[in-house]
Amino acid sequence: MDATYSEHPAMFKNNPLGFLLAILLIPVGIGIIILLVWYLKCKSTLLELSGSELVVERGLLSKDRTELALSSIRTVNVYQSFFNRIFGVGKIAIYTAGDEAEIEVAGLPDPHRLRELIKAQQAA
């Protein structure tokens, strides 16, 4: 599977204030737990554009895998807050049919690159 885009959500870049708060809570002991759970949550999600499919995998022990054919994608929505734009991350929502997003992942590095890759694959 030759991926042109394969990313896990970012920790620090997605929520820098939450990251700093967790660092400050390390002496209390809860900061380590927050960072560990957050890290595992980020590493258990993978969004990958491969060939003519967009795949999102979630989970560590049990897996949930959603595959979408690029030809069925109708809309790609990228949302970036002010801090997201500064750090180059964002939330991406992929729509096929209907009003509910088929795939939604927050904290992805360079979400506009993924949107452009999807549009380029659809045009080819």
PDB file of N, CA and C in Angstrom:
ATOM      1  N   MET A   1       0.840  -1.174   0.000  1.00  0.00           N
ATOM      2  CA  MET A   1       0.000   0.000   0.000  1.00  0.00           C
ATOM      3  C   MET A   1       0.890   1.244   0.000  1.00  0.00           C
ATOM      4  N   ASP A   2       0.982   1.916  -1.099  1.00  0.00           N
ATOM      5  CA  ASP A   2       1.836   3.090  -1.226  1.00  0.00           C
ATOM      6  C   ASP A   2       1.028   4.339  -0.878  1.00  0.00           C
ATOM      7  N   ALA A   3       1.254   4.891   0.296  1.00  0.00           N
ATOM      8  CA  ALA A   3       0.458   6.020   0.780  1.00  0.00           C
ATOM      9  C   ALA A   3       1.069   7.336   0.339  1.00  0.00           C
ATOM     10  N   THR A   4       0.230   8.245  -0.134  1.00  0.00           N
ATOM     11  CA  THR A   4       0.700   9.583  -0.455  1.00  0.00           C
ATOM     12  C   THR A   4       0.487  10.519   0.728  1.00  0.00           C
ATOM     13  N   TYR A   5      -0.380  10.127   1.664  1.00  0.00           N
ATOM     14  CA  TYR A   5      -0.600  10.879   2.900  1.00  0.00           C
ATOM     15  C   TYR A   5      -0.909   9.862   3.978  1.00  0.00           C
ATOM     16  N   SER A   6      -0.163   9.896   5.046  1.00  0.00           N
ATOM     17  CA  SER A   6      -0.386   8.974   6.154  1.00  0.00           C
ATOM     18  C   SER A   6       0.027   9.689   7.433  1.00  0.00           C
ATOM     19  N   GLU A   7      -0.966  10.060   8.255  1.00  0.00           N
ATOM     20  CA  GLU A   7      -0.674  10.862   9.443  1.00  0.00           C
ATOM     21  C   GLU A   7      -1.531  10.441  10.634  1.00  0.00           C
ATOM     22  N   HIS A   8      -0.933  10.575  11.809  1.00  0.00           N
ATOM     23  CA  HIS A   8      -1.638  10.471  13.075  1.00  0.00           C
ATOM     24  C   HIS A   8      -1.950  11.895  13.533  1.00  0.00           C
ATOM     25  N   PRO A   9      -3.011  12.108  14.316  1.00  0.00           N
ATOM     26  CA  PRO A   9      -3.237  13.446  14.876  1.00  0.00           C
ATOM     27  C   PRO A   9      -2.058  13.885  15.743  1.00  0.00           C
ATOM     28  N   ALA A  10      -1.773  15.173  15.721  1.00  0.00           N
ATOM     29  CA  ALA A  10      -0.665  15.723  16.498  1.00  0.00           C
ATOM     30  C   ALA A  10      -1.129  15.996  17.931  1.00  0.00           C
ATOM     31  N   MET A  11      -0.208  15.877  18.888  1.00  0.00           N
ATOM     32  CA  MET A  11      -0.546  16.167  20.286  1.00  0.00           C
ATOM     33  C   MET A  11      -0.389  17.653  20.582  1.00  0.00           C
ATOM     34  N   PHE A  12       0.853  18.096  20.647  1.00  0.00           N
ATOM     35  CA  PHE A  12       1.143  19.471  21.058  1.00  0.00           C
ATOM     36  C   PHE A  12       0.530  20.491  20.109  1.00  0.00           C
ATOM     37  N   LYS A  13       0.707  20.289  18.817  1.00  0.00           N
ATOM     38  CA  LYS A  13       0.232  21.263  17.840  1.00  0.00           C
ATOM     39  C   LYS A  13      -1.285  21.408  17.851  1.00  0.00           C
ATOM     40  N   ASN A  14      -1.988  20.339  18.165  1.00  0.00           N
ATOM     41  CA  ASN A  14      -3.449  20.380  18.149  1.00  0.00           C
ATOM     42  C   ASN A  14      -4.016  21.129  19.354  1.00  0.00           C
ATOM     43  N   ASN A  15      -3.361  21.005  20.500  1.00  0.00           N
ATOM     44  CA  ASN A  15      -3.855  21.658  21.715  1.00  0.00           C
ATOM     45  C   ASN A  15      -2.666  22.077  22.581  1.00  0.00           C
ATOM     46  N   PRO A  16      -1.977  23.164  22.210  1.00  0.00           N
ATOM     47  CA  PRO A  16      -0.773  23.547  22.952  1.00  0.00           C
ATOM     48  C   PRO A  16      -1.050  23.951  24.401  1.00  0.00           C
ATOM     49  N   LEU A  17      -2.183  24.589  24.657  1.00  0.00           N
ATOM     50  CA  LEU A  17      -2.488  24.995  26.029  1.00  0.00           C
ATOM     51  C   LEU A  17      -2.779  23.788  26.914  1.00  0.00           C
ATOM     52  N   GLY A  18      -3.484  22.812  26.377  1.00  0.00           N
ATOM     53  CA  GLY A  18      -3.739  21.572  27.119  1.00  0.00           C
ATOM     54  C   GLY A  18      -2.455  20.812  27.391  1.00  0.00           C
ATOM     55  N   PHE A  19      -1.543  20.840  26.420  1.00  0.00           N
ATOM     56  CA  PHE A  19      -0.257  20.166  26.588  1.00  0.00           C
ATOM     57  C   PHE A  19       0.542  20.825  27.714  1.00  0.00           C
ATOM     58  N   LEU A  20       0.584  22.152  27.714  1.00  0.00           N
ATOM     59  CA  LEU A  20       1.321  22.864  28.761  1.00  0.00           C
ATOM     60  C   LEU A  20       0.690  22.636  30.134  1.00  0.00           C
ATOM     61  N   LEU A  21      -0.635  22.606  30.198  1.00  0.00           N
ATOM     62  CA  LEU A  21      -1.320  22.329  31.453  1.00  0.00           C
ATOM     63  C   LEU A  21      -0.979  20.925  31.962  1.00  0.00           C
ATOM     64  N   ALA A  22      -0.944  19.951  31.063  1.00  0.00           N
ATOM     65  CA  ALA A  22      -0.578  18.586  31.453  1.00  0.00           C
ATOM     66  C   ALA A  22       0.858  18.536  31.967  1.00  0.00           C
ATOM     67  N   ILE A  23       1.755  19.286  31.342  1.00  0.00           N
ATOM     68  CA  ILE A  23       3.154  19.348  31.800  1.00  0.00           C
ATOM     69  C   ILE A  23       3.216  19.944  33.208  1.00  0.00           C
ATOM     70  N   LEU A  24       2.432  20.996  33.445  1.00  0.00           N
ATOM     71  CA  LEU A  24       2.415  21.621  34.771  1.00  0.00           C
ATOM     72  C   LEU A  24       1.835  20.688  35.840  1.00  0.00           C
ATOM     73  N   LEU A  25       0.992  19.758  35.446  1.00  0.00           N
ATOM     74  CA  LEU A  25       0.380  18.826  36.395  1.00  0.00           C
ATOM     75  C   LEU A  25       1.219  17.572  36.644  1.00  0.00           C
ATOM     76  N   ILE A  26       2.377  17.466  35.997  1.00  0.00           N
ATOM     77  CA  ILE A  26       3.242  16.299  36.207  1.00  0.00           C
ATOM     78  C   ILE A  26       3.669  16.157  37.669  1.00  0.00           C
ATOM     79  N   PRO A  27       4.075  17.233  38.356  1.00  0.00           N
ATOM     80  CA  PRO A  27       4.458  17.060  39.764  1.00  0.00           C
ATOM     81  C   PRO A  27       3.328  16.522  40.646  1.00  0.00           C
ATOM     82  N   VAL A  28       2.087  16.809  40.299  1.00  0.00           N
ATOM     83  CA  VAL A  28       0.948  16.309  41.064  1.00  0.00           C
ATOM     84  C   VAL A  28       0.723  14.828  40.765  1.00  0.00           C
ATOM     85  N   GLY A  29       1.175  14.373  39.614  1.00  0.00           N
ATOM     86  CA  GLY A  29       1.034  12.972  39.233  1.00  0.00           C
ATOM     87  C   GLY A  29      -0.003  12.726  38.166  1.00  0.00           C
ATOM     88  N   ILE A  30      -0.984  13.600  38.069  1.00  0.00           N
ATOM     89  CA  ILE A  30      -2.038  13.394  37.079  1.00  0.00           C
ATOM     90  C   ILE A  30      -1.580  13.787  35.675  1.00  0.00           C
ATOM     91  N   GLY A  31      -0.568  14.646  35.580  1.00  0.00           N
ATOM     92  CA  GLY A  31      -0.059  15.087  34.280  1.00  0.00           C
ATOM     93  C   GLY A  31       0.466  13.933  33.447  1.00  0.00           C
ATOM     94  N   ILE A  32       1.163  12.992  34.079  1.00  0.00           N
ATOM     95  CA  ILE A  32       1.695  11.826  33.353  1.00  0.00           C
ATOM     96  C   ILE A  32       0.549  10.995  32.788  1.00  0.00           C
ATOM     97  N   ILE A  33      -0.494  10.811  33.572  1.00  0.00           N
ATOM     98  CA  ILE A  33      -1.639  10.013  33.121  1.00  0.00           C
ATOM     99  C   ILE A  33      -2.334  10.698  31.951  1.00  0.00           C
ATOM    100  N   ILE A  34      -2.526  12.013  32.055  1.00  0.00           N
ATOM    101  CA  ILE A  34      -3.160  12.772  30.975  1.00  0.00           C
ATOM    102  C   ILE A  34      -2.343  12.651  29.696  1.00  0.00           C
ATOM    103  N   LEU A  35      -1.023  12.845  29.782  1.00  0.00           N
ATOM    104  CA  LEU A  35      -0.166  12.764  28.606  1.00  0.00           C
ATOM    105  C   LEU A  35      -0.149  11.360  28.004  1.00  0.00           C
ATOM    106  N   LEU A  36      -0.131  10.344  28.843  1.00  0.00           N
ATOM    107  CA  LEU A  36      -0.114   8.962  28.353  1.00  0.00           C
ATOM    108  C   LEU A  36      -1.414   8.619  27.620  1.00  0.00           C
ATOM    109  N   VAL A  37      -2.549   8.963  28.209  1.00  0.00           N
ATOM    110  CA  VAL A  37      -3.837   8.694  27.565  1.00  0.00           C
ATOM    111  C   VAL A  37      -3.951   9.478  26.259  1.00  0.00           C
ATOM    112  N   TRP A  38      -3.533  10.734  26.281  1.00  0.00           N
ATOM    113  CA  TRP A  38      -3.572  11.583  25.095  1.00  0.00           C
ATOM    114  C   TRP A  38      -2.681  11.011  23.996  1.00  0.00           C
ATOM    115  N   TYR A  39      -1.473  10.586  24.358  1.00  0.00           N
ATOM    116  CA  TYR A  39      -0.543  10.012  23.392  1.00  0.00           C
ATOM    117  C   TYR A  39      -1.128   8.753  22.747  1.00  0.00           C
ATOM    118  N   LEU A  40      -1.684   7.874  23.574  1.00  0.00           N
ATOM    119  CA  LEU A  40      -2.265   6.642  23.048  1.00  0.00           C
ATOM    120  C   LEU A  40      -3.464   6.929  22.147  1.00  0.00           C
ATOM    121  N   LYS A  41      -4.253   7.930  22.507  1.00  0.00           N
ATOM    122  CA  LYS A  41      -5.391   8.303  21.673  1.00  0.00           C
ATOM    123  C   LYS A  41      -4.931   8.816  20.306  1.00  0.00           C
ATOM    124  N   CYS A  42      -3.883   9.631  20.292  1.00  0.00           N
ATOM    125  CA  CYS A  42      -3.355  10.146  19.024  1.00  0.00           C
ATOM    126  C   CYS A  42      -2.746   9.025  18.174  1.00  0.00           C
ATOM    127  N   LYS A  43      -1.985   8.141  18.796  1.00  0.00           N
ATOM    128  CA  LYS A  43      -1.327   7.073  18.058  1.00  0.00           C
ATOM    129  C   LYS A  43      -2.281   5.971  17.617  1.00  0.00           C
ATOM    130  N   SER A  44      -3.478   5.937  18.206  1.00  0.00           N
ATOM    131  CA  SER A  44      -4.430   4.898  17.825  1.00  0.00           C
ATOM    132  C   SER A  44      -5.315   5.330  16.654  1.00  0.00           C
ATOM    133  N   THR A  45      -5.107   6.525  16.129  1.00  0.00           N
ATOM    134  CA  THR A  45      -5.859   7.014  14.977  1.00  0.00           C
ATOM    135  C   THR A  45      -4.892   7.279  13.833  1.00  0.00           C
ATOM    136  N   LEU A  46      -5.206   6.748  12.654  1.00  0.00           N
ATOM    137  CA  LEU A  46      -4.364   6.939  11.474  1.00  0.00           C
ATOM    138  C   LEU A  46      -5.254   7.226  10.285  1.00  0.00           C
ATOM    139  N   LEU A  47      -4.960   8.315   9.572  1.00  0.00           N
ATOM    140  CA  LEU A  47      -5.656   8.647   8.334  1.00  0.00           C
ATOM    141  C   LEU A  47      -4.665   8.489   7.204  1.00  0.00           C
ATOM    142  N   GLU A  48      -5.072   7.741   6.180  1.00  0.00           N
ATOM    143  CA  GLU A  48      -4.148   7.415   5.093  1.00  0.00           C
ATOM    144  C   GLU A  48      -4.851   7.524   3.752  1.00  0.00           C
ATOM    145  N   LEU A  49      -4.214   8.209   2.827  1.00  0.00           N
ATOM    146  CA  LEU A  49      -4.679   8.278   1.445  1.00  0.00           C
ATOM    147  C   LEU A  49      -3.771   7.368   0.640  1.00  0.00           C
ATOM    148  N   SER A  50      -4.359   6.340   0.069  1.00  0.00           N
ATOM    149  CA  SER A  50      -3.570   5.347  -0.642  1.00  0.00           C
ATOM    150  C   SER A  50      -4.266   4.976  -1.942  1.00  0.00           C
ATOM    151  N   GLY A  51      -3.624   5.282  -3.050  1.00  0.00           N
ATOM    152  CA  GLY A  51      -4.216   4.968  -4.340  1.00  0.00           C
ATOM    153  C   GLY A  51      -5.523   5.700  -4.534  1.00  0.00           C
ATOM    154  N   SER A  52      -6.609   4.943  -4.663  1.00  0.00           N
ATOM    155  CA  SER A  52      -7.919   5.546  -4.889  1.00  0.00           C
ATOM    156  C   SER A  52      -8.813   5.412  -3.661  1.00  0.00           C
ATOM    157  N   GLU A  53      -8.218   5.206  -2.480  1.00  0.00           N
ATOM    158  CA  GLU A  53      -8.996   5.052  -1.253  1.00  0.00           C
ATOM    159  C   GLU A  53      -8.468   5.940  -0.135  1.00  0.00           C
ATOM    160  N   LEU A  54      -9.394   6.380   0.699  1.00  0.00           N
ATOM    161  CA  LEU A  54      -9.074   7.101   1.926  1.00  0.00           C
ATOM    162  C   LEU A  54      -9.456   6.180   3.076  1.00  0.00           C
ATOM    163  N   VAL A  55      -8.501   5.898   3.957  1.00  0.00           N
ATOM    164  CA  VAL A  55      -8.700   4.932   5.028  1.00  0.00           C
ATOM    165  C   VAL A  55      -8.430   5.604   6.367  1.00  0.00           C
ATOM    166  N   VAL A  56      -9.330   5.403   7.332  1.00  0.00           N
ATOM    167  CA  VAL A  56      -9.094   5.846   8.701  1.00  0.00           C
ATOM    168  C   VAL A  56      -9.182   4.608   9.592  1.00  0.00           C
ATOM    169  N   GLU A  57      -8.150   4.438  10.428  1.00  0.00           N
ATOM    170  CA  GLU A  57      -8.107   3.336  11.383  1.00  0.00           C
ATOM    171  C   GLU A  57      -8.082   3.920  12.780  1.00  0.00           C
ATOM    172  N   ARG A  58      -8.922   3.361  13.651  1.00  0.00           N
ATOM    173  CA  ARG A  58      -8.968   3.799  15.045  1.00  0.00           C
ATOM    174  C   ARG A  58      -8.864   2.580  15.940  1.00  0.00           C
ATOM    175  N   GLY A  59      -8.158   2.737  17.056  1.00  0.00           N
ATOM    176  CA  GLY A  59      -8.084   1.686  18.053  1.00  0.00           C
ATOM    177  C   GLY A  59      -6.697   1.115  18.220  1.00  0.00           C
ATOM    178  N   LEU A  60      -6.419   0.618  19.444  1.00  0.00           N
ATOM    179  CA  LEU A  60      -5.143  -0.037  19.729  1.00  0.00           C
ATOM    180  C   LEU A  60      -5.309  -1.549  19.736  1.00  0.00           C
ATOM    181  N   LEU A  61      -6.162  -2.057  20.606  1.00  0.00           N
ATOM    182  CA  LEU A  61      -6.361  -3.497  20.706  1.00  0.00           C
ATOM    183  C   LEU A  61      -7.421  -3.975  19.720  1.00  0.00           C
ATOM    184  N   SER A  62      -8.554  -3.319  19.691  1.00  0.00           N
ATOM    185  CA  SER A  62      -9.552  -3.609  18.669  1.00  0.00           C
ATOM    186  C   SER A  62      -9.498  -2.475  17.648  1.00  0.00           C
ATOM    187  N   LYS A  63      -9.707  -2.801  16.394  1.00  0.00           N
ATOM    188  CA  LYS A  63      -9.573  -1.816  15.326  1.00  0.00           C
ATOM    189  C   LYS A  63     -10.911  -1.529  14.674  1.00  0.00           C
ATOM    190  N   ASP A  64     -11.109  -0.265  14.325  1.00  0.00           N
ATOM    191  CA  ASP A  64     -12.239   0.171  13.524  1.00  0.00           C
ATOM    192  C   ASP A  64     -11.648   0.807  12.277  1.00  0.00           C
ATOM    193  N   ARG A  65     -11.919   0.232  11.125  1.00  0.00           N
ATOM    194  CA  ARG A  65     -11.326   0.699   9.867  1.00  0.00           C
ATOM    195  C   ARG A  65     -12.444   1.115   8.921  1.00  0.00           C
ATOM    196  N   THR A  66     -12.360   2.352   8.432  1.00  0.00           N
ATOM    197  CA  THR A  66     -13.328   2.869   7.471  1.00  0.00           C
ATOM    198  C   THR A  66     -12.585   3.207   6.190  1.00  0.00           C
ATOM    199  N   GLU A  67     -13.078   2.692   5.072  1.00  0.00           N
ATOM    200  CA  GLU A  67     -12.476   2.951   3.765  1.00  0.00           C
ATOM    201  C   GLU A  67     -13.495   3.646   2.880  1.00  0.00           C
ATOM    202  N   LEU A  68     -13.042   4.686   2.199  1.00  0.00           N
ATOM    203  CA  LEU A  68     -13.892   5.408   1.252  1.00  0.00           C
ATOM    204  C   LEU A  68     -13.199   5.467  -0.094  1.00  0.00           C
ATOM    205  N   ALA A  69     -13.937   5.189  -1.149  1.00  0.00           N
ATOM    206  CA  ALA A  69     -13.410   5.377  -2.498  1.00  0.00           C
ATOM    207  C   ALA A  69     -13.385   6.877  -2.783  1.00  0.00           C
ATOM    208  N   LEU A  70     -12.288   7.359  -3.334  1.00  0.00           N
ATOM    209  CA  LEU A  70     -12.168   8.798  -3.608  1.00  0.00           C
ATOM    210  C   LEU A  70     -13.250   9.277  -4.571  1.00  0.00           C
ATOM    211  N   SER A  71     -13.710   8.398  -5.444  1.00  0.00           N
ATOM    212  CA  SER A  71     -14.748   8.787  -6.413  1.00  0.00           C
ATOM    213  C   SER A  71     -16.082   9.076  -5.732  1.00  0.00           C
ATOM    214  N   SER A  72     -16.293   8.555  -4.517  1.00  0.00           N
ATOM    215  CA  SER A  72     -17.563   8.782  -3.826  1.00  0.00           C
ATOM    216  C   SER A  72     -17.534  10.001  -2.906  1.00  0.00           C
ATOM    217  N   ILE A  73     -16.381  10.632  -2.751  1.00  0.00           N
ATOM    218  CA  ILE A  73     -16.278  11.801  -1.873  1.00  0.00           C
ATOM    219  C   ILE A  73     -16.892  13.015  -2.559  1.00  0.00           C
ATOM    220  N   ARG A  74     -17.829  13.639  -1.855  1.00  0.00           N
ATOM    221  CA  ARG A  74     -18.537  14.808  -2.384  1.00  0.00           C
ATOM    222  C   ARG A  74     -17.923  16.104  -1.862  1.00  0.00           C
ATOM    223  N   THR A  75     -17.613  16.147  -0.560  1.00  0.00           N
ATOM    224  CA  THR A  75     -17.137  17.381   0.056  1.00  0.00           C
ATOM    225  C   THR A  75     -16.019  17.072   1.043  1.00  0.00           C
ATOM    226  N   VAL A  76     -14.999  17.933   1.060  1.00  0.00           N
ATOM    227  CA  VAL A  76     -13.922  17.856   2.040  1.00  0.00           C
ATOM    228  C   VAL A  76     -13.921  19.185   2.789  1.00  0.00           C
ATOM    229  N   ASN A  77     -14.165  19.123   4.100  1.00  0.00           N
ATOM    230  CA  ASN A  77     -14.236  20.330   4.915  1.00  0.00           C
ATOM    231  C   ASN A  77     -13.023  20.368   5.848  1.00  0.00           C
ATOM    232  N   VAL A  78     -12.282  21.463   5.812  1.00  0.00           N
ATOM    233  CA  VAL A  78     -11.132  21.656   6.691  1.00  0.00           C
ATOM    234  C   VAL A  78     -11.456  22.809   7.635  1.00  0.00           C
ATOM    235  N   TYR A  79     -11.354  22.558   8.939  1.00  0.00           N
ATOM    236  CA  TYR A  79     -11.573  23.603   9.932  1.00  0.00           C
ATOM    237  C   TYR A  79     -10.280  23.811  10.713  1.00  0.00           C
ATOM    238  N   GLN A  80      -9.863  25.071  10.827  1.00  0.00           N
ATOM    239  CA  GLN A  80      -8.674  25.419  11.600  1.00  0.00           C
ATOM    240  C   GLN A  80      -8.976  26.640  12.456  1.00  0.00           C
ATOM    241  N   SER A  81      -8.768  26.494  13.766  1.00  0.00           N
ATOM    242  CA  SER A  81      -8.859  27.654  14.654  1.00  0.00           C
ATOM    243  C   SER A  81      -7.600  28.500  14.456  1.00  0.00           C
ATOM    244  N   PHE A  82      -7.547  29.627  15.132  1.00  0.00           N
ATOM    245  CA  PHE A  82      -6.379  30.504  15.033  1.00  0.00           C
ATOM    246  C   PHE A  82      -5.094  29.766  15.430  1.00  0.00           C
ATOM    247  N   PHE A  83      -5.137  29.066  16.583  1.00  0.00           N
ATOM    248  CA  PHE A  83      -3.952  28.319  17.022  1.00  0.00           C
ATOM    249  C   PHE A  83      -3.645  27.159  16.083  1.00  0.00           C
ATOM    250  N   ASN A  84      -4.681  26.503  15.548  1.00  0.00           N
ATOM    251  CA  ASN A  84      -4.459  25.424  14.579  1.00  0.00           C
ATOM    252  C   ASN A  84      -3.715  25.948  13.355  1.00  0.00           C
ATOM    253  N   ARG A  85      -4.102  27.125  12.881  1.00  0.00           N
ATOM    254  CA  ARG A  85      -3.434  27.700  11.706  1.00  0.00           C
ATOM    255  C   ARG A  85      -1.974  28.020  12.012  1.00  0.00           C
ATOM    256  N   ILE A  86      -1.705  28.536  13.208  1.00  0.00           N
ATOM    257  CA  ILE A  86      -0.322  28.852  13.585  1.00  0.00           C
ATOM    258  C   ILE A  86       0.542  27.594  13.587  1.00  0.00           C
ATOM    259  N   PHE A  87      -0.014  26.504  14.117  1.00  0.00           N
ATOM    260  CA  PHE A  87       0.763  25.262  14.247  1.00  0.00           C
ATOM    261  C   PHE A  87       0.604  24.312  13.070  1.00  0.00           C
ATOM    262  N   GLY A  88      -0.194  24.652  12.069  1.00  0.00           N
ATOM    263  CA  GLY A  88      -0.293  23.851  10.851  1.00  0.00           C
ATOM    264  C   GLY A  88      -1.076  22.556  11.000  1.00  0.00           C
ATOM    265  N   VAL A  89      -2.085  22.545  11.864  1.00  0.00           N
ATOM    266  CA  VAL A  89      -2.936  21.372  12.016  1.00  0.00           C
ATOM    267  C   VAL A  89      -4.388  21.788  11.811  1.00  0.00           C
ATOM    268  N   GLY A  90      -5.276  20.808  11.723  1.00  0.00           N
ATOM    269  CA  GLY A  90      -6.683  21.132  11.564  1.00  0.00           C
ATOM    270  C   GLY A  90      -7.561  19.909  11.637  1.00  0.00           C
ATOM    271  N   LYS A  91      -8.849  20.169  11.625  1.00  0.00           N
ATOM    272  CA  LYS A  91      -9.852  19.108  11.656  1.00  0.00           C
ATOM    273  C   LYS A  91     -10.372  18.925  10.239  1.00  0.00           C
ATOM    274  N   ILE A  92     -10.446  17.677   9.789  1.00  0.00           N
ATOM    275  CA  ILE A  92     -10.930  17.399   8.440  1.00  0.00           C
ATOM    276  C   ILE A  92     -12.169  16.527   8.536  1.00  0.00           C
ATOM    277  N   ALA A  93     -13.173  16.879   7.744  1.00  0.00           N
ATOM    278  CA  ALA A  93     -14.411  16.108   7.676  1.00  0.00           C
ATOM    279  C   ALA A  93     -14.658  15.750   6.213  1.00  0.00           C
ATOM    280  N   ILE A  94     -14.929  14.474   5.961  1.00  0.00           N
ATOM    281  CA  ILE A  94     -15.141  13.958   4.610  1.00  0.00           C
ATOM    282  C   ILE A  94     -16.610  13.555   4.482  1.00  0.00           C
ATOM    283  N   TYR A  95     -17.282  14.094   3.477  1.00  0.00           N
ATOM    284  CA  TYR A  95     -18.696  13.816   3.237  1.00  0.00           C
ATOM    285  C   TYR A  95     -18.858  13.072   1.919  1.00  0.00           C
ATOM    286  N   THR A  96     -19.723  12.064   1.908  1.00  0.00           N
ATOM    287  CA  THR A  96     -20.064  11.377   0.661  1.00  0.00           C
ATOM    288  C   THR A  96     -21.492  11.758   0.285  1.00  0.00           C
ATOM    289  N   ALA A  97     -22.459  11.144   0.905  1.00  0.00           N
ATOM    290  CA  ALA A  97     -23.868  11.473   0.660  1.00  0.00           C
ATOM    291  C   ALA A  97     -24.508  11.791   2.003  1.00  0.00           C
ATOM    292  N   GLY A  98     -25.400  12.749   2.010  1.00  0.00           N
ATOM    293  CA  GLY A  98     -26.073  13.094   3.256  1.00  0.00           C
ATOM    294  C   GLY A  98     -25.377  14.229   3.979  1.00  0.00           C
ATOM    295  N   ASP A  99     -25.883  14.506   5.178  1.00  0.00           N
ATOM    296  CA  ASP A  99     -25.401  15.643   5.950  1.00  0.00           C
ATOM    297  C   ASP A  99     -24.414  15.264   7.044  1.00  0.00           C
ATOM    298  N   GLU A 100     -24.202  13.991   7.268  1.00  0.00           N
ATOM    299  CA  GLU A 100     -23.274  13.518   8.292  1.00  0.00           C
ATOM    300  C   GLU A 100     -21.923  13.181   7.659  1.00  0.00           C
ATOM    301  N   ALA A 101     -20.849  13.584   8.324  1.00  0.00           N
ATOM    302  CA  ALA A 101     -19.506  13.280   7.818  1.00  0.00           C
ATOM    303  C   ALA A 101     -19.231  11.783   7.959  1.00  0.00           C
ATOM    304  N   GLU A 102     -18.687  11.179   6.915  1.00  0.00           N
ATOM    305  CA  GLU A 102     -18.302   9.772   6.956  1.00  0.00           C
ATOM    306  C   GLU A 102     -17.046   9.590   7.795  1.00  0.00           C
ATOM    307  N   ILE A 103     -16.103  10.516   7.614  1.00  0.00           N
ATOM    308  CA  ILE A 103     -14.840  10.490   8.344  1.00  0.00           C
ATOM    309  C   ILE A 103     -14.609  11.878   8.915  1.00  0.00           C
ATOM    310  N   GLU A 104     -14.217  11.924  10.192  1.00  0.00           N
ATOM    311  CA  GLU A 104     -13.901  13.196  10.845  1.00  0.00           C
ATOM    312  C   GLU A 104     -12.725  12.954  11.781  1.00  0.00           C
ATOM    313  N   VAL A 105     -11.616  13.671  11.538  1.00  0.00           N
ATOM    314  CA  VAL A 105     -10.413  13.511  12.350  1.00  0.00           C
ATOM    315  C   VAL A 105      -9.870  14.897  12.676  1.00  0.00           C
ATOM    316  N   ALA A 106      -9.625  15.149  13.957  1.00  0.00           N
ATOM    317  CA  ALA A 106      -9.090  16.441  14.399  1.00  0.00           C
ATOM    318  C   ALA A 106      -7.597  16.322  14.664  1.00  0.00           C
ATOM    319  N   GLY A 107      -6.891  17.429  14.496  1.00  0.00           N
ATOM    320  CA  GLY A 107      -5.477  17.488  14.829  1.00  0.00           C
ATOM    321  C   GLY A 107      -4.541  16.974  13.759  1.00  0.00           C
ATOM    322  N   LEU A 108      -5.005  16.856  12.529  1.00  0.00           N
ATOM    323  CA  LEU A 108      -4.145  16.330  11.468  1.00  0.00           C
ATOM    324  C   LEU A 108      -3.149  17.380  10.992  1.00  0.00           C
ATOM    325  N   PRO A 109      -1.886  16.983  10.846  1.00  0.00           N
ATOM    326  CA  PRO A 109      -0.899  17.901  10.281  1.00  0.00           C
ATOM    327  C   PRO A 109      -1.204  18.179   8.807  1.00  0.00           C
ATOM    328  N   ASP A 110      -1.072  19.403   8.400  1.00  0.00           N
ATOM    329  CA  ASP A 110      -1.227  19.853   7.013  1.00  0.00           C
ATOM    330  C   ASP A 110      -2.514  19.336   6.360  1.00  0.00           C
ATOM    331  N   PRO A 111      -3.685  19.703   6.895  1.00  0.00           N
ATOM    332  CA  PRO A 111      -4.939  19.187   6.340  1.00  0.00           C
ATOM    333  C   PRO A 111      -5.241  19.682   4.931  1.00  0.00           C
ATOM    334  N   HIS A 112      -4.741  20.862   4.569  1.00  0.00           N
ATOM    335  CA  HIS A 112      -4.982  21.377   3.219  1.00  0.00           C
ATOM    336  C   HIS A 112      -4.249  20.546   2.173  1.00  0.00           C
ATOM    337  N   ARG A 113      -3.099  19.988   2.541  1.00  0.00           N
ATOM    338  CA  ARG A 113      -2.379  19.101   1.623  1.00  0.00           C
ATOM    339  C   ARG A 113      -3.219  17.861   1.323  1.00  0.00           C
ATOM    340  N   LEU A 114      -3.853  17.318   2.357  1.00  0.00           N
ATOM    341  CA  LEU A 114      -4.711  16.150   2.152  1.00  0.00           C
ATOM    342  C   LEU A 114      -5.886  16.506   1.254  1.00  0.00           C
ATOM    343  N   ARG A 115      -6.510  17.654   1.490  1.00  0.00           N
ATOM    344  CA  ARG A 115      -7.628  18.086   0.649  1.00  0.00           C
ATOM    345  C   ARG A 115      -7.201  18.218  -0.809  1.00  0.00           C
ATOM    346  N   GLU A 116      -6.034  18.822  -1.040  1.00  0.00           N
ATOM    347  CA  GLU A 116      -5.528  18.988  -2.407  1.00  0.00           C
ATOM    348  C   GLU A 116      -5.205  17.636  -3.050  1.00  0.00           C
ATOM    349  N   LEU A 117      -4.650  16.703  -2.277  1.00  0.00           N
ATOM    350  CA  LEU A 117      -4.365  15.362  -2.818  1.00  0.00           C
ATOM    351  C   LEU A 117      -5.646  14.646  -3.205  1.00  0.00           C
ATOM    352  N   ILE A 118      -6.691  14.776  -2.407  1.00  0.00           N
ATOM    353  CA  ILE A 118      -7.974  14.154  -2.738  1.00  0.00           C
ATOM    354  C   ILE A 118      -8.533  14.750  -4.018  1.00  0.00           C
ATOM    355  N   LYS A 119      -8.516  16.070  -4.120  1.00  0.00           N
ATOM    356  CA  LYS A 119      -9.046  16.738  -5.328  1.00  0.00           C
ATOM    357  C   LYS A 119      -8.235  16.361  -6.560  1.00  0.00           C
ATOM    358  N   ALA A 120      -6.903  16.265  -6.428  1.00  0.00           N
ATOM    359  CA  ALA A 120      -6.066  15.895  -7.558  1.00  0.00           C
ATOM    360  C   ALA A 120      -6.329  14.458  -7.997  1.00  0.00           C
ATOM    361  N   GLN A 121      -6.520  13.548  -7.037  1.00  0.00           N
ATOM    362  CA  GLN A 121      -6.817  12.152  -7.376  1.00  0.00           C
ATOM    363  C   GLN A 121      -8.179  12.042  -8.064  1.00  0.00           C
ATOM    364  N   GLN A 122      -9.151  12.842  -7.619  1.00  0.00           N
ATOM    365  CA  GLN A 122     -10.475  12.801  -8.227  1.00  0.00           C
ATOM    366  C   GLN A 122     -10.454  13.342  -9.642  1.00  0.00           C
ATOM    367  N   ALA A 123      -9.594  14.326  -9.921  1.00  0.00           N
ATOM    368  CA  ALA A 123      -9.500  14.920 -11.255  1.00  0.00           C
ATOM    369  C   ALA A 123      -8.792  14.008 -12.246  1.00  0.00           C
ATOM    370  N   ALA A 124      -7.928  13.134 -11.709  1.00  0.00           N
ATOM    371  CA  ALA A 124      -7.147  12.246 -12.607  1.00  0.00           C
ATOM    372  C   ALA A 124      -7.977  11.116 -13.161  1.00  0.00           C
TER     373      ALA A 124
END
